[in-house]
Amino acid sequence: MELKEFIGNFANQFDETDESAFQADTVVESLDEWSSLTTLAVMNMIGKKYGVIIRIDDIRQARTILDLFNMVESRQK
């Protein structure tokens, strides 16, 4: 799994946010479009693309996109 690909997949869950807003150090909750629906979309994407089941509490613990990436990567092994 590559970080750049993960960021792209994460960004694809948003309709109106410019792709330049998505960086490894982007604070997830700082995104204007972040909502309960995008949370569910991200959780679904992670399950389908990476085979990792994460919970809402896991998302809350992940401050940045990199934190979320690291969480998913650690659970793939």
PDB file of N, CA and C in Angstrom:
ATOM      1  N   MET A   1       0.847  -1.173   0.000  1.00  0.00           N
ATOM      2  CA  MET A   1       0.000   0.000   0.000  1.00  0.00           C
ATOM      3  C   MET A   1       0.895   1.240   0.000  1.00  0.00           C
ATOM      4  N   GLU A   2       0.553   2.183  -0.852  1.00  0.00           N
ATOM      5  CA  GLU A   2       1.333   3.412  -0.945  1.00  0.00           C
ATOM      6  C   GLU A   2       0.519   4.599  -0.428  1.00  0.00           C
ATOM      7  N   LEU A   3       1.207   5.505   0.240  1.00  0.00           N
ATOM      8  CA  LEU A   3       0.558   6.676   0.829  1.00  0.00           C
ATOM      9  C   LEU A   3      -0.129   7.526  -0.229  1.00  0.00           C
ATOM     10  N   LYS A   4       0.542   7.767  -1.350  1.00  0.00           N
ATOM     11  CA  LYS A   4      -0.024   8.615  -2.395  1.00  0.00           C
ATOM     12  C   LYS A   4      -1.342   8.038  -2.911  1.00  0.00           C
ATOM     13  N   GLU A   5      -1.379   6.737  -3.118  1.00  0.00           N
ATOM     14  CA  GLU A   5      -2.600   6.072  -3.575  1.00  0.00           C
ATOM     15  C   GLU A   5      -3.699   6.186  -2.522  1.00  0.00           C
ATOM     16  N   PHE A   6      -3.332   5.987  -1.253  1.00  0.00           N
ATOM     17  CA  PHE A   6      -4.303   6.082  -0.172  1.00  0.00           C
ATOM     18  C   PHE A   6      -4.906   7.489  -0.104  1.00  0.00           C
ATOM     19  N   ILE A   7      -4.062   8.500  -0.234  1.00  0.00           N
ATOM     20  CA  ILE A   7      -4.551   9.885  -0.206  1.00  0.00           C
ATOM     21  C   ILE A   7      -5.518  10.126  -1.366  1.00  0.00           C
ATOM     22  N   GLY A   8      -5.194   9.596  -2.543  1.00  0.00           N
ATOM     23  CA  GLY A   8      -6.082   9.734  -3.699  1.00  0.00           C
ATOM     24  C   GLY A   8      -7.426   9.054  -3.462  1.00  0.00           C
ATOM     25  N   ASN A   9      -7.387   7.854  -2.906  1.00  0.00           N
ATOM     26  CA  ASN A   9      -8.625   7.135  -2.607  1.00  0.00           C
ATOM     27  C   ASN A   9      -9.436   7.867  -1.545  1.00  0.00           C
ATOM     28  N   PHE A  10      -8.758   8.419  -0.554  1.00  0.00           N
ATOM     29  CA  PHE A  10      -9.417   9.210   0.488  1.00  0.00           C
ATOM     30  C   PHE A  10     -10.077  10.427  -0.148  1.00  0.00           C
ATOM     31  N   ALA A  11      -9.342  11.141  -0.987  1.00  0.00           N
ATOM     32  CA  ALA A  11      -9.847  12.361  -1.637  1.00  0.00           C
ATOM     33  C   ALA A  11     -11.059  12.070  -2.515  1.00  0.00           C
ATOM     34  N   ASN A  12     -11.111  10.896  -3.113  1.00  0.00           N
ATOM     35  CA  ASN A  12     -12.229  10.529  -3.987  1.00  0.00           C
ATOM     36  C   ASN A  12     -13.551  10.416  -3.244  1.00  0.00           C
ATOM     37  N   GLN A  13     -13.520  10.404  -1.934  1.00  0.00           N
ATOM     38  CA  GLN A  13     -14.750  10.305  -1.144  1.00  0.00           C
ATOM     39  C   GLN A  13     -15.406  11.673  -0.956  1.00  0.00           C
ATOM     40  N   PHE A  14     -14.773  12.708  -1.444  1.00  0.00           N
ATOM     41  CA  PHE A  14     -15.256  14.085  -1.295  1.00  0.00           C
ATOM     42  C   PHE A  14     -15.663  14.622  -2.664  1.00  0.00           C
ATOM     43  N   ASP A  15     -16.765  15.345  -2.705  1.00  0.00           N
ATOM     44  CA  ASP A  15     -17.279  15.861  -3.970  1.00  0.00           C
ATOM     45  C   ASP A  15     -16.784  17.265  -4.294  1.00  0.00           C
ATOM     46  N   GLU A  16     -16.676  18.121  -3.277  1.00  0.00           N
ATOM     47  CA  GLU A  16     -16.427  19.533  -3.533  1.00  0.00           C
ATOM     48  C   GLU A  16     -15.053  20.032  -3.107  1.00  0.00           C
ATOM     49  N   THR A  17     -14.326  19.256  -2.343  1.00  0.00           N
ATOM     50  CA  THR A  17     -13.030  19.698  -1.835  1.00  0.00           C
ATOM     51  C   THR A  17     -11.966  19.486  -2.905  1.00  0.00           C
ATOM     52  N   ASP A  18     -11.190  20.540  -3.166  1.00  0.00           N
ATOM     53  CA  ASP A  18     -10.122  20.464  -4.156  1.00  0.00           C
ATOM     54  C   ASP A  18      -9.084  19.436  -3.738  1.00  0.00           C
ATOM     55  N   GLU A  19      -8.595  18.680  -4.694  1.00  0.00           N
ATOM     56  CA  GLU A  19      -7.640  17.609  -4.406  1.00  0.00           C
ATOM     57  C   GLU A  19      -6.362  18.116  -3.736  1.00  0.00           C
ATOM     58  N   SER A  20      -6.013  19.377  -3.962  1.00  0.00           N
ATOM     59  CA  SER A  20      -4.807  19.943  -3.348  1.00  0.00           C
ATOM     60  C   SER A  20      -4.935  20.058  -1.825  1.00  0.00           C
ATOM     61  N   ALA A  21      -6.150  19.959  -1.311  1.00  0.00           N
ATOM     62  CA  ALA A  21      -6.370  20.048   0.138  1.00  0.00           C
ATOM     63  C   ALA A  21      -5.956  18.773   0.862  1.00  0.00           C
ATOM     64  N   PHE A  22      -5.723  17.707   0.111  1.00  0.00           N
ATOM     65  CA  PHE A  22      -5.434  16.407   0.707  1.00  0.00           C
ATOM     66  C   PHE A  22      -3.935  16.123   0.677  1.00  0.00           C
ATOM     67  N   GLN A  23      -3.334  16.210   1.842  1.00  0.00           N
ATOM     68  CA  GLN A  23      -1.918  15.903   2.028  1.00  0.00           C
ATOM     69  C   GLN A  23      -1.802  14.947   3.205  1.00  0.00           C
ATOM     70  N   ALA A  24      -0.658  14.341   3.376  1.00  0.00           N
ATOM     71  CA  ALA A  24      -0.460  13.399   4.483  1.00  0.00           C
ATOM     72  C   ALA A  24      -0.747  14.049   5.830  1.00  0.00           C
ATOM     73  N   ASP A  25      -0.374  15.321   5.969  1.00  0.00           N
ATOM     74  CA  ASP A  25      -0.542  15.989   7.260  1.00  0.00           C
ATOM     75  C   ASP A  25      -1.859  16.753   7.394  1.00  0.00           C
ATOM     76  N   THR A  26      -2.777  16.553   6.437  1.00  0.00           N
ATOM     77  CA  THR A  26      -4.085  17.196   6.520  1.00  0.00           C
ATOM     78  C   THR A  26      -4.853  16.639   7.718  1.00  0.00           C
ATOM     79  N   VAL A  27      -5.338  17.532   8.559  1.00  0.00           N
ATOM     80  CA  VAL A  27      -6.158  17.132   9.701  1.00  0.00           C
ATOM     81  C   VAL A  27      -7.549  16.824   9.152  1.00  0.00           C
ATOM     82  N   VAL A  28      -7.958  15.583   9.322  1.00  0.00           N
ATOM     83  CA  VAL A  28      -9.202  15.102   8.731  1.00  0.00           C
ATOM     84  C   VAL A  28     -10.390  15.980   9.106  1.00  0.00           C
ATOM     85  N   GLU A  29     -10.545  16.285  10.357  1.00  0.00           N
ATOM     86  CA  GLU A  29     -11.704  17.054  10.810  1.00  0.00           C
ATOM     87  C   GLU A  29     -11.662  18.518  10.376  1.00  0.00           C
ATOM     88  N   SER A  30     -10.541  18.980   9.829  1.00  0.00           N
ATOM     89  CA  SER A  30     -10.461  20.368   9.375  1.00  0.00           C
ATOM     90  C   SER A  30     -11.051  20.548   7.976  1.00  0.00           C
ATOM     91  N   LEU A  31     -11.325  19.459   7.303  1.00  0.00           N
ATOM     92  CA  LEU A  31     -11.889  19.539   5.958  1.00  0.00           C
ATOM     93  C   LEU A  31     -13.349  19.990   6.045  1.00  0.00           C
ATOM     94  N   ASP A  32     -13.698  21.024   5.289  1.00  0.00           N
ATOM     95  CA  ASP A  32     -15.055  21.584   5.337  1.00  0.00           C
ATOM     96  C   ASP A  32     -16.121  20.543   5.026  1.00  0.00           C
ATOM     97  N   GLU A  33     -15.811  19.639   4.146  1.00  0.00           N
ATOM     98  CA  GLU A  33     -16.783  18.654   3.691  1.00  0.00           C
ATOM     99  C   GLU A  33     -16.864  17.413   4.604  1.00  0.00           C
ATOM    100  N   TRP A  34     -16.026  17.361   5.635  1.00  0.00           N
ATOM    101  CA  TRP A  34     -16.008  16.205   6.536  1.00  0.00           C
ATOM    102  C   TRP A  34     -17.331  16.153   7.292  1.00  0.00           C
ATOM    103  N   SER A  35     -17.977  14.998   7.253  1.00  0.00           N
ATOM    104  CA  SER A  35     -19.272  14.822   7.922  1.00  0.00           C
ATOM    105  C   SER A  35     -19.443  13.349   8.267  1.00  0.00           C
ATOM    106  N   SER A  36     -20.564  13.031   8.861  1.00  0.00           N
ATOM    107  CA  SER A  36     -20.833  11.628   9.183  1.00  0.00           C
ATOM    108  C   SER A  36     -20.943  10.797   7.903  1.00  0.00           C
ATOM    109  N   LEU A  37     -21.445  11.387   6.836  1.00  0.00           N
ATOM    110  CA  LEU A  37     -21.561  10.651   5.575  1.00  0.00           C
ATOM    111  C   LEU A  37     -20.199  10.384   4.949  1.00  0.00           C
ATOM    112  N   THR A  38     -19.301  11.366   4.982  1.00  0.00           N
ATOM    113  CA  THR A  38     -17.967  11.119   4.429  1.00  0.00           C
ATOM    114  C   THR A  38     -17.193  10.153   5.314  1.00  0.00           C
ATOM    115  N   THR A  39     -17.447  10.186   6.608  1.00  0.00           N
ATOM    116  CA  THR A  39     -16.823   9.216   7.510  1.00  0.00           C
ATOM    117  C   THR A  39     -17.207   7.805   7.095  1.00  0.00           C
ATOM    118  N   LEU A  40     -18.490   7.592   6.859  1.00  0.00           N
ATOM    119  CA  LEU A  40     -18.962   6.273   6.428  1.00  0.00           C
ATOM    120  C   LEU A  40     -18.400   5.896   5.060  1.00  0.00           C
ATOM    121  N   ALA A  41     -18.304   6.875   4.163  1.00  0.00           N
ATOM    122  CA  ALA A  41     -17.741   6.608   2.834  1.00  0.00           C
ATOM    123  C   ALA A  41     -16.274   6.200   2.936  1.00  0.00           C
ATOM    124  N   VAL A  42     -15.528   6.871   3.790  1.00  0.00           N
ATOM    125  CA  VAL A  42     -14.112   6.535   3.986  1.00  0.00           C
ATOM    126  C   VAL A  42     -13.984   5.138   4.597  1.00  0.00           C
ATOM    127  N   MET A  43     -14.815   4.835   5.580  1.00  0.00           N
ATOM    128  CA  MET A  43     -14.782   3.514   6.207  1.00  0.00           C
ATOM    129  C   MET A  43     -15.095   2.429   5.170  1.00  0.00           C
ATOM    130  N   ASN A  44     -16.078   2.670   4.321  1.00  0.00           N
ATOM    131  CA  ASN A  44     -16.446   1.727   3.275  1.00  0.00           C
ATOM    132  C   ASN A  44     -15.315   1.546   2.270  1.00  0.00           C
ATOM    133  N   MET A  45     -14.705   2.645   1.858  1.00  0.00           N
ATOM    134  CA  MET A  45     -13.590   2.590   0.909  1.00  0.00           C
ATOM    135  C   MET A  45     -12.444   1.768   1.472  1.00  0.00           C
ATOM    136  N   ILE A  46     -12.115   1.983   2.742  1.00  0.00           N
ATOM    137  CA  ILE A  46     -11.009   1.257   3.371  1.00  0.00           C
ATOM    138  C   ILE A  46     -11.327  -0.238   3.418  1.00  0.00           C
ATOM    139  N   GLY A  47     -12.556  -0.579   3.744  1.00  0.00           N
ATOM    140  CA  GLY A  47     -12.947  -1.981   3.767  1.00  0.00           C
ATOM    141  C   GLY A  47     -12.845  -2.644   2.408  1.00  0.00           C
ATOM    142  N   LYS A  48     -13.332  -1.952   1.373  1.00  0.00           N
ATOM    143  CA  LYS A  48     -13.343  -2.531   0.029  1.00  0.00           C
ATOM    144  C   LYS A  48     -11.957  -2.566  -0.611  1.00  0.00           C
ATOM    145  N   LYS A  49     -11.218  -1.472  -0.519  1.00  0.00           N
ATOM    146  CA  LYS A  49      -9.930  -1.392  -1.218  1.00  0.00           C
ATOM    147  C   LYS A  49      -8.777  -2.040  -0.458  1.00  0.00           C
ATOM    148  N   TYR A  50      -8.865  -2.035   0.879  1.00  0.00           N
ATOM    149  CA  TYR A  50      -7.727  -2.500   1.669  1.00  0.00           C
ATOM    150  C   TYR A  50      -8.057  -3.704   2.550  1.00  0.00           C
ATOM    151  N   GLY A  51      -9.326  -4.116   2.564  1.00  0.00           N
ATOM    152  CA  GLY A  51      -9.712  -5.285   3.339  1.00  0.00           C
ATOM    153  C   GLY A  51      -9.568  -5.113   4.840  1.00  0.00           C
ATOM    154  N   VAL A  52      -9.681  -3.877   5.297  1.00  0.00           N
ATOM    155  CA  VAL A  52      -9.514  -3.567   6.723  1.00  0.00           C
ATOM    156  C   VAL A  52     -10.816  -2.964   7.234  1.00  0.00           C
ATOM    157  N   ILE A  53     -11.308  -3.523   8.315  1.00  0.00           N
ATOM    158  CA  ILE A  53     -12.516  -2.993   8.946  1.00  0.00           C
ATOM    159  C   ILE A  53     -12.084  -2.011  10.032  1.00  0.00           C
ATOM    160  N   ILE A  54     -12.569  -0.779   9.920  1.00  0.00           N
ATOM    161  CA  ILE A  54     -12.295   0.204  10.962  1.00  0.00           C
ATOM    162  C   ILE A  54     -13.620   0.711  11.505  1.00  0.00           C
ATOM    163  N   ARG A  55     -13.567   1.173  12.726  1.00  0.00           N
ATOM    164  CA  ARG A  55     -14.763   1.669  13.406  1.00  0.00           C
ATOM    165  C   ARG A  55     -14.701   3.195  13.498  1.00  0.00           C
ATOM    166  N   ILE A  56     -15.809   3.775  13.882  1.00  0.00           N
ATOM    167  CA  ILE A  56     -15.877   5.231  14.047  1.00  0.00           C
ATOM    168  C   ILE A  56     -14.837   5.687  15.069  1.00  0.00           C
ATOM    169  N   ASP A  57     -14.669   4.937  16.145  1.00  0.00           N
ATOM    170  CA  ASP A  57     -13.668   5.305  17.151  1.00  0.00           C
ATOM    171  C   ASP A  57     -12.266   5.332  16.559  1.00  0.00           C
ATOM    172  N   ASP A  58     -11.990   4.432  15.618  1.00  0.00           N
ATOM    173  CA  ASP A  58     -10.684   4.425  14.953  1.00  0.00           C
ATOM    174  C   ASP A  58     -10.490   5.708  14.158  1.00  0.00           C
ATOM    175  N   ILE A  59     -11.534   6.127  13.464  1.00  0.00           N
ATOM    176  CA  ILE A  59     -11.455   7.367  12.679  1.00  0.00           C
ATOM    177  C   ILE A  59     -11.208   8.555  13.610  1.00  0.00           C
ATOM    178  N   ARG A  60     -11.879   8.565  14.738  1.00  0.00           N
ATOM    179  CA  ARG A  60     -11.719   9.670  15.689  1.00  0.00           C
ATOM    180  C   ARG A  60     -10.289   9.743  16.230  1.00  0.00           C
ATOM    181  N   GLN A  61      -9.639   8.610  16.351  1.00  0.00           N
ATOM    182  CA  GLN A  61      -8.268   8.572  16.865  1.00  0.00           C
ATOM    183  C   GLN A  61      -7.263   9.048  15.828  1.00  0.00           C
ATOM    184  N   ALA A  62      -7.613   8.944  14.566  1.00  0.00           N
ATOM    185  CA  ALA A  62      -6.712   9.336  13.485  1.00  0.00           C
ATOM    186  C   ALA A  62      -6.852  10.831  13.231  1.00  0.00           C
ATOM    187  N   ARG A  63      -5.879  11.602  13.659  1.00  0.00           N
ATOM    188  CA  ARG A  63      -5.943  13.057  13.499  1.00  0.00           C
ATOM    189  C   ARG A  63      -5.709  13.475  12.041  1.00  0.00           C
ATOM    190  N   THR A  64      -4.761  12.849  11.394  1.00  0.00           N
ATOM    191  CA  THR A  64      -4.402  13.218  10.017  1.00  0.00           C
ATOM    192  C   THR A  64      -4.647  12.051   9.064  1.00  0.00           C
ATOM    193  N   ILE A  65      -4.560  12.337   7.784  1.00  0.00           N
ATOM    194  CA  ILE A  65      -4.682  11.279   6.782  1.00  0.00           C
ATOM    195  C   ILE A  65      -3.548  10.277   6.968  1.00  0.00           C
ATOM    196  N   LEU A  66      -2.357  10.754   7.313  1.00  0.00           N
ATOM    197  CA  LEU A  66      -1.235   9.850   7.559  1.00  0.00           C
ATOM    198  C   LEU A  66      -1.520   8.931   8.739  1.00  0.00           C
ATOM    199  N   ASP A  67      -2.128   9.451   9.794  1.00  0.00           N
ATOM    200  CA  ASP A  67      -2.495   8.608  10.935  1.00  0.00           C
ATOM    201  C   ASP A  67      -3.436   7.491  10.491  1.00  0.00           C
ATOM    202  N   LEU A  68      -4.399   7.834   9.662  1.00  0.00           N
ATOM    203  CA  LEU A  68      -5.355   6.850   9.177  1.00  0.00           C
ATOM    204  C   LEU A  68      -4.660   5.824   8.280  1.00  0.00           C
ATOM    205  N   PHE A  69      -3.784   6.292   7.420  1.00  0.00           N
ATOM    206  CA  PHE A  69      -2.993   5.410   6.561  1.00  0.00           C
ATOM    207  C   PHE A  69      -2.202   4.412   7.401  1.00  0.00           C
ATOM    208  N   ASN A  70      -1.513   4.917   8.418  1.00  0.00           N
ATOM    209  CA  ASN A  70      -0.703   4.050   9.270  1.00  0.00           C
ATOM    210  C   ASN A  70      -1.550   3.017   9.996  1.00  0.00           C
ATOM    211  N   MET A  71      -2.732   3.419  10.413  1.00  0.00           N
ATOM    212  CA  MET A  71      -3.654   2.499  11.089  1.00  0.00           C
ATOM    213  C   MET A  71      -4.065   1.378  10.149  1.00  0.00           C
ATOM    214  N   VAL A  72      -4.445   1.747   8.930  1.00  0.00           N
ATOM    215  CA  VAL A  72      -4.882   0.754   7.945  1.00  0.00           C
ATOM    216  C   VAL A  72      -3.720  -0.161   7.602  1.00  0.00           C
ATOM    217  N   GLU A  73      -2.557   0.407   7.353  1.00  0.00           N
ATOM    218  CA  GLU A  73      -1.385  -0.389   6.991  1.00  0.00           C
ATOM    219  C   GLU A  73      -1.027  -1.384   8.089  1.00  0.00           C
ATOM    220  N   SER A  74      -1.099  -0.966   9.339  1.00  0.00           N
ATOM    221  CA  SER A  74      -0.740  -1.856  10.440  1.00  0.00           C
ATOM    222  C   SER A  74      -1.732  -3.010  10.601  1.00  0.00           C
ATOM    223  N   ARG A  75      -2.959  -2.811  10.152  1.00  0.00           N
ATOM    224  CA  ARG A  75      -3.974  -3.860  10.270  1.00  0.00           C
ATOM    225  C   ARG A  75      -4.018  -4.792   9.073  1.00  0.00           C
ATOM    226  N   GLN A  76      -3.306  -4.446   8.026  1.00  0.00           N
ATOM    227  CA  GLN A  76      -3.243  -5.316   6.850  1.00  0.00           C
ATOM    228  C   GLN A  76      -2.320  -6.499   7.078  1.00  0.00           C
ATOM    229  N   LYS A  77      -1.410  -6.381   7.989  1.00  0.00           N
ATOM    230  CA  LYS A  77      -0.375  -7.400   8.160  1.00  0.00           C
ATOM    231  C   LYS A  77      -0.822  -8.531   9.023  1.00  0.00           C
TER     232      LYS A  77
END
